[in-house]
Protein backbone atom coordinates (compact mmCIF):
# COMPACT_ATOMS: atom_id res chain seq x y z
CA UNK A 1 12.30 -31.28 4.17
CA UNK A 2 14.25 -29.23 6.71
CA UNK A 3 16.15 -27.47 3.90
CA UNK A 4 12.93 -26.49 2.16
CA UNK A 5 11.55 -25.07 5.36
CA UNK A 6 14.67 -22.96 5.81
CA UNK A 7 14.38 -21.62 2.26
CA UNK A 8 10.71 -20.84 2.79
CA UNK A 9 11.48 -18.99 6.00
CA UNK A 10 14.09 -16.91 4.19
CA UNK A 11 11.66 -16.10 1.38
CA UNK A 12 8.92 -15.21 3.85
CA UNK A 13 11.26 -12.90 5.76
CA UNK A 14 12.37 -11.25 2.52
CA UNK A 15 8.79 -10.82 1.32
CA UNK A 16 7.76 -9.36 4.66
CA UNK A 17 10.71 -6.98 4.61
CA UNK A 18 9.98 -5.82 1.09
CA UNK A 19 6.32 -5.39 1.99
CA UNK A 20 7.11 -3.30 5.07
CA UNK A 21 9.58 -1.15 3.16
CA UNK A 22 7.02 -0.61 0.40
CA UNK A 23 4.31 0.28 2.91
CA UNK A 24 6.65 2.74 4.63
CA UNK A 25 7.52 4.27 1.28
CA UNK A 26 3.85 4.82 0.46
CA UNK A 27 3.24 6.32 3.89
CA UNK A 28 6.29 8.58 3.53
CA UNK A 29 5.05 9.75 0.14
CA UNK A 30 1.61 10.48 1.62
CA UNK A 31 2.98 12.63 4.46
CA UNK A 32 2.06 16.27 3.94
CA UNK A 33 4.74 18.91 3.53
CA UNK A 34 4.09 21.89 5.76
CA UNK A 35 5.32 25.34 4.86
CA UNK A 36 6.25 27.97 7.41
CA UNK A 37 2.98 29.76 6.65
CA UNK A 38 1.02 26.56 7.34
CA UNK A 39 2.77 26.16 10.69
CA UNK A 40 2.10 29.78 11.67
CA UNK A 41 -1.56 29.52 10.73
CA UNK A 42 -1.98 26.25 12.60
CA UNK A 43 -0.24 27.72 15.64
CA UNK A 44 -2.57 30.73 15.70
CA UNK A 45 -5.69 28.61 15.22
CA UNK A 46 -4.69 26.19 17.97
CA UNK A 47 -3.86 29.09 20.27
CA UNK A 48 -7.27 30.69 19.72
CA UNK A 49 -9.01 27.35 20.29
CA UNK A 50 -7.09 26.77 23.53
CA UNK A 51 -7.86 30.27 24.79
CA UNK A 52 -11.54 29.82 24.00
CA UNK A 53 -11.58 26.41 25.65
CA UNK A 54 -9.99 27.79 28.82
CA UNK A 55 -12.62 30.50 28.98
CA UNK A 56 -10.16 33.30 29.58
CA UNK A 57 -12.11 36.54 29.29
CA UNK A 58 -9.10 38.82 29.51
CA UNK A 59 -6.43 38.36 26.90
CA UNK A 60 -3.07 37.33 28.36
CA UNK A 61 -0.20 39.79 28.15
CA UNK A 62 2.14 39.97 25.18
CA UNK A 63 4.84 37.96 26.97
CA UNK A 64 2.40 35.27 28.02
CA UNK A 65 0.89 35.11 24.50
CA UNK A 66 4.35 34.61 23.01
CA UNK A 67 5.04 31.81 25.50
CA UNK A 68 1.72 30.18 24.60
CA UNK A 69 2.52 30.52 20.88
CA UNK A 70 5.89 28.86 21.37
CA UNK A 71 4.27 26.03 23.31
CA UNK A 72 1.65 25.50 20.60
CA UNK A 73 4.33 25.56 17.90
CA UNK A 74 6.38 22.99 19.81
CA UNK A 75 3.32 20.71 20.13
CA UNK A 76 2.62 20.94 16.40
CA UNK A 77 6.24 20.22 15.47
CA UNK A 78 6.33 17.29 17.91
CA UNK A 79 3.22 15.80 16.30
CA UNK A 80 4.69 16.14 12.81
CA UNK A 81 7.95 14.60 14.00
CA UNK A 82 6.08 11.70 15.62
CA UNK A 83 4.32 10.93 12.32
CA UNK A 84 7.63 10.87 10.46
CA UNK A 85 9.29 8.76 13.15
CA UNK A 86 6.52 6.17 12.91
CA UNK A 87 7.05 5.82 9.17
CA UNK A 88 10.81 5.54 9.65
CA UNK A 89 10.28 2.77 12.23
CA UNK A 90 8.23 0.77 9.72
CA UNK A 91 10.97 1.23 7.15
CA UNK A 92 13.65 0.18 9.63
CA UNK A 93 11.64 -2.93 10.55
CA UNK A 94 11.40 -3.85 6.86
CA UNK A 95 15.13 -3.39 6.39
CA UNK A 96 15.75 -5.50 9.49
CA UNK A 97 13.70 -8.34 8.03
CA UNK A 98 15.61 -8.08 4.77
CA UNK A 99 18.93 -8.26 6.60
CA UNK A 100 17.76 -11.35 8.50
CA UNK A 101 16.62 -12.94 5.22
CA UNK A 102 19.99 -12.27 3.59
CA UNK A 103 21.72 -13.70 6.65
CA UNK A 104 19.53 -16.79 6.42
CA UNK A 105 20.43 -17.19 2.73
CA UNK A 106 24.15 -16.82 3.42
CA UNK A 107 23.94 -19.29 6.30
CA UNK A 108 22.18 -21.83 4.09
CA UNK A 109 24.71 -21.34 1.33
CA UNK A 110 27.72 -21.77 3.64
CA UNK A 111 26.42 -24.66 5.72
CA UNK A 112 27.08 -28.15 4.44
CA UNK A 113 23.98 -29.89 3.15
CA UNK A 114 22.63 -32.66 5.33
CA UNK A 115 21.56 -35.82 3.68
């Protein structure tokens, strides 16, 4: 009975790992690909929204606008990077489960059978 439980645990770990890797693959495939033009447009839109939200009646100077643009661009790139990192973490977790399942199978194969 103990041997069967060990095999089941290995199969469950492998199935979970394959499932997580598959889910991460689907999520990775669904991630949008942003062009430079998309990033520029998004930066300008976010900058205009932030300026309107702050209620600034006078436009900031050219230097200050460039600083604000760079800050907005950095926020957008950080958000995109965070989305990709989340997907990669799911994939890494799936691979980790697969490695544990393979280790379990090797351990069962190398250990002497009891009984």
